[in-house]
Every structure is written in structure tokens, then in C-alpha cells.
Amino acid sequence: MRTGTVHIANTESRLDGILLALCGDPDPFGAATVFLESKGIGNGDRITVAGADGKIGNVKVICMTAAAPAALAAGK
């Protein structure tokens, strides 16, 4: 798990600079942003993400499996 600040611009979301993706989706970056927004997560929020490091093409990504606001993920 990783905790950091999410930055959302257009259809791309990044956790401390690394692109977030739903790696099995035909639109992995857009799907990741929709996934985060469906959980009430927005630009500038501190979040905790579960997933694995990966690549889509030559781009380093985090293949997300779960995400939550950092306070909730920590049980606070």
C-alpha cells in the first residue's frame, strides 16, 4: 500500500507523480479516475492505494486494486 497526495487532471490521476491505472480496463487511466471519484476522492486529497507497480507502454504506473481516503484507510 502507498499513501500520498492524488492529483487529478483531465482523465489522469497521479499519486505523488506516478500515474494510477486500472490495468485490465480498455481505458486504464480514465477508469482509475472514475474509480477514485466514485469513492469521493478528489484532486489534492491524501489517499492510500493498494496495487502493484507496472507499466503501460513505457509509462510507469500503479495498477490499483483499491483506494480510500488516507484517514479511513488508517482506521481513523
PDB file of N, CA and C in Angstrom:
ATOM      1  N   MET A   1       0.842  -1.188   0.000  1.00  0.00           N
ATOM      2  CA  MET A   1       0.000   0.000   0.000  1.00  0.00           C
ATOM      3  C   MET A   1       0.878   1.239   0.000  1.00  0.00           C
ATOM      4  N   ARG A   2       0.364   2.261  -0.657  1.00  0.00           N
ATOM      5  CA  ARG A   2       1.066   3.544  -0.704  1.00  0.00           C
ATOM      6  C   ARG A   2       0.109   4.649  -0.295  1.00  0.00           C
ATOM      7  N   THR A   3       0.641   5.608   0.421  1.00  0.00           N
ATOM      8  CA  THR A   3      -0.143   6.768   0.823  1.00  0.00           C
ATOM      9  C   THR A   3       0.529   8.005   0.259  1.00  0.00           C
ATOM     10  N   GLY A   4      -0.285   8.907  -0.277  1.00  0.00           N
ATOM     11  CA  GLY A   4       0.245  10.142  -0.823  1.00  0.00           C
ATOM     12  C   GLY A   4      -0.885  11.054  -1.242  1.00  0.00           C
ATOM     13  N   THR A   5      -0.524  12.083  -1.970  1.00  0.00           N
ATOM     14  CA  THR A   5      -1.495  13.066  -2.440  1.00  0.00           C
ATOM     15  C   THR A   5      -1.826  12.770  -3.893  1.00  0.00           C
ATOM     16  N   VAL A   6      -3.129  12.724  -4.179  1.00  0.00           N
ATOM     17  CA  VAL A   6      -3.581  12.455  -5.542  1.00  0.00           C
ATOM     18  C   VAL A   6      -3.772  13.777  -6.279  1.00  0.00           C
ATOM     19  N   HIS A   7      -3.337  13.796  -7.529  1.00  0.00           N
ATOM     20  CA  HIS A   7      -3.533  14.952  -8.398  1.00  0.00           C
ATOM     21  C   HIS A   7      -4.295  14.475  -9.621  1.00  0.00           C
ATOM     22  N   ILE A   8      -5.439  15.093  -9.871  1.00  0.00           N
ATOM     23  CA  ILE A   8      -6.294  14.717 -10.987  1.00  0.00           C
ATOM     24  C   ILE A   8      -6.302  15.859 -11.993  1.00  0.00           C
ATOM     25  N   ALA A   9      -5.959  15.532 -13.231  1.00  0.00           N
ATOM     26  CA  ALA A   9      -6.002  16.497 -14.335  1.00  0.00           C
ATOM     27  C   ALA A   9      -6.624  15.799 -15.530  1.00  0.00           C
ATOM     28  N   ASN A  10      -7.731  16.355 -15.999  1.00  0.00           N
ATOM     29  CA  ASN A  10      -8.490  15.754 -17.087  1.00  0.00           C
ATOM     30  C   ASN A  10      -8.894  14.339 -16.688  1.00  0.00           C
ATOM     31  N   THR A  11      -8.436  13.329 -17.410  1.00  0.00           N
ATOM     32  CA  THR A  11      -8.828  11.949 -17.081  1.00  0.00           C
ATOM     33  C   THR A  11      -7.700  11.176 -16.426  1.00  0.00           C
ATOM     34  N   GLU A  12      -6.613  11.847 -16.064  1.00  0.00           N
ATOM     35  CA  GLU A  12      -5.477  11.158 -15.447  1.00  0.00           C
ATOM     36  C   GLU A  12      -5.342  11.512 -13.975  1.00  0.00           C
ATOM     37  N   SER A  13      -5.033  10.488 -13.194  1.00  0.00           N
ATOM     38  CA  SER A  13      -4.806  10.664 -11.762  1.00  0.00           C
ATOM     39  C   SER A  13      -3.401  10.187 -11.437  1.00  0.00           C
ATOM     40  N   ARG A  14      -2.731  10.925 -10.590  1.00  0.00           N
ATOM     41  CA  ARG A  14      -1.367  10.571 -10.184  1.00  0.00           C
ATOM     42  C   ARG A  14      -1.273  10.583  -8.664  1.00  0.00           C
ATOM     43  N   LEU A  15      -0.533   9.628  -8.154  1.00  0.00           N
ATOM     44  CA  LEU A  15      -0.225   9.580  -6.727  1.00  0.00           C
ATOM     45  C   LEU A  15       1.231   9.969  -6.582  1.00  0.00           C
ATOM     46  N   ASP A  16       1.463  11.151  -6.061  1.00  0.00           N
ATOM     47  CA  ASP A  16       2.823  11.678  -5.923  1.00  0.00           C
ATOM     48  C   ASP A  16       3.612  11.536  -7.222  1.00  0.00           C
ATOM     49  N   GLY A  17       2.956  11.844  -8.348  1.00  0.00           N
ATOM     50  CA  GLY A  17       3.621  11.865  -9.649  1.00  0.00           C
ATOM     51  C   GLY A  17       3.512  10.596 -10.473  1.00  0.00           C
ATOM     52  N   ILE A  18       3.107   9.488  -9.873  1.00  0.00           N
ATOM     53  CA  ILE A  18       3.008   8.224 -10.612  1.00  0.00           C
ATOM     54  C   ILE A  18       1.561   8.030 -11.056  1.00  0.00           C
ATOM     55  N   LEU A  19       1.380   7.725 -12.341  1.00  0.00           N
ATOM     56  CA  LEU A  19       0.039   7.520 -12.883  1.00  0.00           C
ATOM     57  C   LEU A  19      -0.652   6.347 -12.210  1.00  0.00           C
ATOM     58  N   LEU A  20      -1.928   6.543 -11.903  1.00  0.00           N
ATOM     59  CA  LEU A  20      -2.755   5.465 -11.373  1.00  0.00           C
ATOM     60  C   LEU A  20      -3.547   4.865 -12.523  1.00  0.00           C
ATOM     61  N   ALA A  21      -3.697   3.537 -12.506  1.00  0.00           N
ATOM     62  CA  ALA A  21      -4.386   2.854 -13.590  1.00  0.00           C
ATOM     63  C   ALA A  21      -5.187   1.678 -13.062  1.00  0.00           C
ATOM     64  N   LEU A  22      -6.273   1.362 -13.767  1.00  0.00           N
ATOM     65  CA  LEU A  22      -6.963   0.083 -13.591  1.00  0.00           C
ATOM     66  C   LEU A  22      -6.490  -0.736 -14.782  1.00  0.00           C
ATOM     67  N   CYS A  23      -5.454  -1.522 -14.560  1.00  0.00           N
ATOM     68  CA  CYS A  23      -4.677  -2.109 -15.649  1.00  0.00           C
ATOM     69  C   CYS A  23      -5.444  -3.065 -16.562  1.00  0.00           C
ATOM     70  N   GLY A  24      -6.536  -3.660 -16.137  1.00  0.00           N
ATOM     71  CA  GLY A  24      -7.290  -4.548 -17.000  1.00  0.00           C
ATOM     72  C   GLY A  24      -8.339  -3.847 -17.842  1.00  0.00           C
ATOM     73  N   ASP A  25      -8.515  -2.550 -17.658  1.00  0.00           N
ATOM     74  CA  ASP A  25      -9.566  -1.801 -18.346  1.00  0.00           C
ATOM     75  C   ASP A  25      -9.060  -1.294 -19.697  1.00  0.00           C
ATOM     76  N   PRO A  26      -9.952  -1.229 -20.713  1.00  0.00           N
ATOM     77  CA  PRO A  26      -9.537  -0.679 -22.003  1.00  0.00           C
ATOM     78  C   PRO A  26      -9.065   0.778 -21.925  1.00  0.00           C
ATOM     79  N   ASP A  27      -9.568   1.538 -20.951  1.00  0.00           N
ATOM     80  CA  ASP A  27      -9.131   2.917 -20.708  1.00  0.00           C
ATOM     81  C   ASP A  27      -8.590   2.969 -19.279  1.00  0.00           C
ATOM     82  N   PRO A  28      -7.388   2.440 -19.050  1.00  0.00           N
ATOM     83  CA  PRO A  28      -6.906   2.273 -17.675  1.00  0.00           C
ATOM     84  C   PRO A  28      -6.763   3.561 -16.876  1.00  0.00           C
ATOM     85  N   PHE A  29      -6.417   4.669 -17.530  1.00  0.00           N
ATOM     86  CA  PHE A  29      -6.226   5.928 -16.804  1.00  0.00           C
ATOM     87  C   PHE A  29      -7.564   6.593 -16.503  1.00  0.00           C
ATOM     88  N   GLY A  30      -8.439   6.640 -17.481  1.00  0.00           N
ATOM     89  CA  GLY A  30      -9.761   7.206 -17.270  1.00  0.00           C
ATOM     90  C   GLY A  30     -10.554   6.405 -16.253  1.00  0.00           C
ATOM     91  N   ALA A  31     -10.448   5.081 -16.331  1.00  0.00           N
ATOM     92  CA  ALA A  31     -11.162   4.215 -15.383  1.00  0.00           C
ATOM     93  C   ALA A  31     -10.656   4.428 -13.962  1.00  0.00           C
ATOM     94  N   ALA A  32      -9.358   4.657 -13.811  1.00  0.00           N
ATOM     95  CA  ALA A  32      -8.798   4.903 -12.479  1.00  0.00           C
ATOM     96  C   ALA A  32      -9.366   6.188 -11.887  1.00  0.00           C
ATOM     97  N   THR A  33      -9.489   7.219 -12.711  1.00  0.00           N
ATOM     98  CA  THR A  33     -10.033   8.488 -12.235  1.00  0.00           C
ATOM     99  C   THR A  33     -11.502   8.341 -11.849  1.00  0.00           C
ATOM    100  N   VAL A  34     -12.278   7.654 -12.675  1.00  0.00           N
ATOM    101  CA  VAL A  34     -13.692   7.409 -12.358  1.00  0.00           C
ATOM    102  C   VAL A  34     -13.803   6.605 -11.062  1.00  0.00           C
ATOM    103  N   PHE A  35     -12.937   5.603 -10.898  1.00  0.00           N
ATOM    104  CA  PHE A  35     -12.913   4.774  -9.688  1.00  0.00           C
ATOM    105  C   PHE A  35     -12.674   5.636  -8.453  1.00  0.00           C
ATOM    106  N   LEU A  36     -11.681   6.515  -8.514  1.00  0.00           N
ATOM    107  CA  LEU A  36     -11.378   7.386  -7.374  1.00  0.00           C
ATOM    108  C   LEU A  36     -12.542   8.322  -7.076  1.00  0.00           C
ATOM    109  N   GLU A  37     -13.079   8.939  -8.124  1.00  0.00           N
ATOM    110  CA  GLU A  37     -14.178   9.881  -7.925  1.00  0.00           C
ATOM    111  C   GLU A  37     -15.412   9.188  -7.354  1.00  0.00           C
ATOM    112  N   SER A  38     -15.621   7.925  -7.718  1.00  0.00           N
ATOM    113  CA  SER A  38     -16.772   7.177  -7.196  1.00  0.00           C
ATOM    114  C   SER A  38     -16.642   6.927  -5.694  1.00  0.00           C
ATOM    115  N   LYS A  39     -15.423   7.028  -5.180  1.00  0.00           N
ATOM    116  CA  LYS A  39     -15.167   6.862  -3.754  1.00  0.00           C
ATOM    117  C   LYS A  39     -15.101   8.202  -3.030  1.00  0.00           C
ATOM    118  N   GLY A  40     -15.452   9.285  -3.732  1.00  0.00           N
ATOM    119  CA  GLY A  40     -15.432  10.609  -3.120  1.00  0.00           C
ATOM    120  C   GLY A  40     -14.049  11.212  -3.032  1.00  0.00           C
ATOM    121  N   ILE A  41     -13.103  10.669  -3.755  1.00  0.00           N
ATOM    122  CA  ILE A  41     -11.722  11.166  -3.741  1.00  0.00           C
ATOM    123  C   ILE A  41     -11.567  12.213  -4.836  1.00  0.00           C
ATOM    124  N   GLY A  42     -10.968  13.345  -4.475  1.00  0.00           N
ATOM    125  CA  GLY A  42     -10.778  14.422  -5.434  1.00  0.00           C
ATOM    126  C   GLY A  42      -9.350  14.930  -5.456  1.00  0.00           C
ATOM    127  N   ASN A  43      -9.100  15.851  -6.363  1.00  0.00           N
ATOM    128  CA  ASN A  43      -7.778  16.434  -6.529  1.00  0.00           C
ATOM    129  C   ASN A  43      -7.266  17.027  -5.215  1.00  0.00           C
ATOM    130  N   GLY A  44      -6.041  16.689  -4.859  1.00  0.00           N
ATOM    131  CA  GLY A  44      -5.410  17.214  -3.651  1.00  0.00           C
ATOM    132  C   GLY A  44      -5.667  16.402  -2.396  1.00  0.00           C
ATOM    133  N   ASP A  45      -6.516  15.370  -2.491  1.00  0.00           N
ATOM    134  CA  ASP A  45      -6.802  14.537  -1.313  1.00  0.00           C
ATOM    135  C   ASP A  45      -5.617  13.623  -0.999  1.00  0.00           C
ATOM    136  N   ARG A  46      -5.477  13.336   0.282  1.00  0.00           N
ATOM    137  CA  ARG A  46      -4.469  12.368   0.718  1.00  0.00           C
ATOM    138  C   ARG A  46      -5.158  11.005   0.747  1.00  0.00           C
ATOM    139  N   ILE A  47      -4.583  10.036   0.001  1.00  0.00           N
ATOM    140  CA  ILE A  47      -5.210   8.728  -0.131  1.00  0.00           C
ATOM    141  C   ILE A  47      -4.218   7.600   0.101  1.00  0.00           C
ATOM    142  N   THR A  48      -4.776   6.425   0.328  1.00  0.00           N
ATOM    143  CA  THR A  48      -3.985   5.195   0.394  1.00  0.00           C
ATOM    144  C   THR A  48      -4.470   4.295  -0.732  1.00  0.00           C
ATOM    145  N   VAL A  49      -3.516   3.788  -1.495  1.00  0.00           N
ATOM    146  CA  VAL A  49      -3.815   2.958  -2.663  1.00  0.00           C
ATOM    147  C   VAL A  49      -3.165   1.592  -2.484  1.00  0.00           C
ATOM    148  N   ALA A  50      -3.923   0.546  -2.794  1.00  0.00           N
ATOM    149  CA  ALA A  50      -3.368  -0.807  -2.853  1.00  0.00           C
ATOM    150  C   ALA A  50      -3.191  -1.148  -4.319  1.00  0.00           C
ATOM    151  N   GLY A  51      -2.108  -1.840  -4.632  1.00  0.00           N
ATOM    152  CA  GLY A  51      -1.859  -2.227  -6.009  1.00  0.00           C
ATOM    153  C   GLY A  51      -0.400  -2.561  -6.224  1.00  0.00           C
ATOM    154  N   ALA A  52      -0.082  -2.824  -7.472  1.00  0.00           N
ATOM    155  CA  ALA A  52       1.282  -3.232  -7.829  1.00  0.00           C
ATOM    156  C   ALA A  52       1.877  -2.256  -8.830  1.00  0.00           C
ATOM    157  N   ASP A  53       3.194  -2.131  -8.787  1.00  0.00           N
ATOM    158  CA  ASP A  53       3.889  -1.342  -9.800  1.00  0.00           C
ATOM    159  C   ASP A  53       3.757  -2.049 -11.138  1.00  0.00           C
ATOM    160  N   GLY A  54       3.630  -1.273 -12.196  1.00  0.00           N
ATOM    161  CA  GLY A  54       3.536  -1.846 -13.524  1.00  0.00           C
ATOM    162  C   GLY A  54       3.903  -0.828 -14.566  1.00  0.00           C
ATOM    163  N   LYS A  55       3.706  -1.215 -15.815  1.00  0.00           N
ATOM    164  CA  LYS A  55       3.946  -0.309 -16.943  1.00  0.00           C
ATOM    165  C   LYS A  55       2.833  -0.486 -17.949  1.00  0.00           C
ATOM    166  N   ILE A  56       2.443   0.610 -18.537  1.00  0.00           N
ATOM    167  CA  ILE A  56       1.551   0.588 -19.689  1.00  0.00           C
ATOM    168  C   ILE A  56       2.341   1.283 -20.791  1.00  0.00           C
ATOM    169  N   GLY A  57       2.727   0.509 -21.779  1.00  0.00           N
ATOM    170  CA  GLY A  57       3.676   1.017 -22.768  1.00  0.00           C
ATOM    171  C   GLY A  57       4.993   1.257 -22.045  1.00  0.00           C
ATOM    172  N   ASN A  58       5.520   2.449 -22.162  1.00  0.00           N
ATOM    173  CA  ASN A  58       6.761   2.812 -21.471  1.00  0.00           C
ATOM    174  C   ASN A  58       6.511   3.650 -20.234  1.00  0.00           C
ATOM    175  N   VAL A  59       5.247   3.736 -19.805  1.00  0.00           N
ATOM    176  CA  VAL A  59       4.871   4.605 -18.690  1.00  0.00           C
ATOM    177  C   VAL A  59       4.748   3.797 -17.404  1.00  0.00           C
ATOM    178  N   LYS A  60       5.457   4.231 -16.367  1.00  0.00           N
ATOM    179  CA  LYS A  60       5.363   3.606 -15.047  1.00  0.00           C
ATOM    180  C   LYS A  60       4.012   3.950 -14.430  1.00  0.00           C
ATOM    181  N   VAL A  61       3.325   2.931 -13.910  1.00  0.00           N
ATOM    182  CA  VAL A  61       2.004   3.128 -13.306  1.00  0.00           C
ATOM    183  C   VAL A  61       1.896   2.325 -12.015  1.00  0.00           C
ATOM    184  N   ILE A  62       0.877   2.657 -11.246  1.00  0.00           N
ATOM    185  CA  ILE A  62       0.439   1.816 -10.139  1.00  0.00           C
ATOM    186  C   ILE A  62      -0.871   1.191 -10.595  1.00  0.00           C
ATOM    187  N   CYS A  63      -0.890  -0.133 -10.713  1.00  0.00           N
ATOM    188  CA  CYS A  63      -2.107  -0.856 -11.077  1.00  0.00           C
ATOM    189  C   CYS A  63      -2.936  -1.003  -9.806  1.00  0.00           C
ATOM    190  N   MET A  64      -3.929  -0.129  -9.644  1.00  0.00           N
ATOM    191  CA  MET A  64      -4.726  -0.078  -8.420  1.00  0.00           C
ATOM    192  C   MET A  64      -5.661  -1.278  -8.283  1.00  0.00           C
ATOM    193  N   THR A  65      -5.789  -1.734  -7.053  1.00  0.00           N
ATOM    194  CA  THR A  65      -6.814  -2.728  -6.733  1.00  0.00           C
ATOM    195  C   THR A  65      -7.809  -2.163  -5.703  1.00  0.00           C
ATOM    196  N   ALA A  66      -7.399  -1.112  -4.987  1.00  0.00           N
ATOM    197  CA  ALA A  66      -8.263  -0.455  -4.004  1.00  0.00           C
ATOM    198  C   ALA A  66      -7.700   0.923  -3.709  1.00  0.00           C
ATOM    199  N   ALA A  67      -8.588   1.792  -3.237  1.00  0.00           N
ATOM    200  CA  ALA A  67      -8.178   3.140  -2.838  1.00  0.00           C
ATOM    201  C   ALA A  67      -9.171   3.673  -1.815  1.00  0.00           C
ATOM    202  N   ALA A  68      -8.659   4.491  -0.887  1.00  0.00           N
ATOM    203  CA  ALA A  68      -9.509   5.099   0.124  1.00  0.00           C
ATOM    204  C   ALA A  68      -8.835   6.367   0.629  1.00  0.00           C
ATOM    205  N   PRO A  69      -9.631   7.316   1.148  1.00  0.00           N
ATOM    206  CA  PRO A  69      -9.012   8.449   1.814  1.00  0.00           C
ATOM    207  C   PRO A  69      -8.048   7.945   2.896  1.00  0.00           C
ATOM    208  N   ALA A  70      -6.917   8.573   3.057  1.00  0.00           N
ATOM    209  CA  ALA A  70      -5.880   8.078   3.959  1.00  0.00           C
ATOM    210  C   ALA A  70      -6.378   7.906   5.390  1.00  0.00           C
ATOM    211  N   ALA A  71      -7.198   8.814   5.880  1.00  0.00           N
ATOM    212  CA  ALA A  71      -7.691   8.699   7.259  1.00  0.00           C
ATOM    213  C   ALA A  71      -8.543   7.436   7.430  1.00  0.00           C
ATOM    214  N   LEU A  72      -9.359   7.109   6.425  1.00  0.00           N
ATOM    215  CA  LEU A  72     -10.186   5.908   6.508  1.00  0.00           C
ATOM    216  C   LEU A  72      -9.338   4.656   6.406  1.00  0.00           C
ATOM    217  N   ALA A  73      -8.355   4.680   5.527  1.00  0.00           N
ATOM    218  CA  ALA A  73      -7.504   3.504   5.344  1.00  0.00           C
ATOM    219  C   ALA A  73      -6.718   3.206   6.617  1.00  0.00           C
ATOM    220  N   ALA A  74      -6.401   4.251   7.370  1.00  0.00           N
ATOM    221  CA  ALA A  74      -5.650   4.069   8.615  1.00  0.00           C
ATOM    222  C   ALA A  74      -6.557   3.718   9.789  1.00  0.00           C
ATOM    223  N   GLY A  75      -7.857   3.675   9.548  1.00  0.00           N
ATOM    224  CA  GLY A  75      -8.791   3.325  10.593  1.00  0.00           C
ATOM    225  C   GLY A  75      -9.142   4.479  11.511  1.00  0.00           C
ATOM    226  N   LYS A  76      -8.901   5.703  11.074  1.00  0.00           N
ATOM    227  CA  LYS A  76      -9.174   6.880  11.902  1.00  0.00           C
ATOM    228  C   LYS A  76     -10.559   7.412  11.628  1.00  0.00           C
TER     229      LYS A  76
END
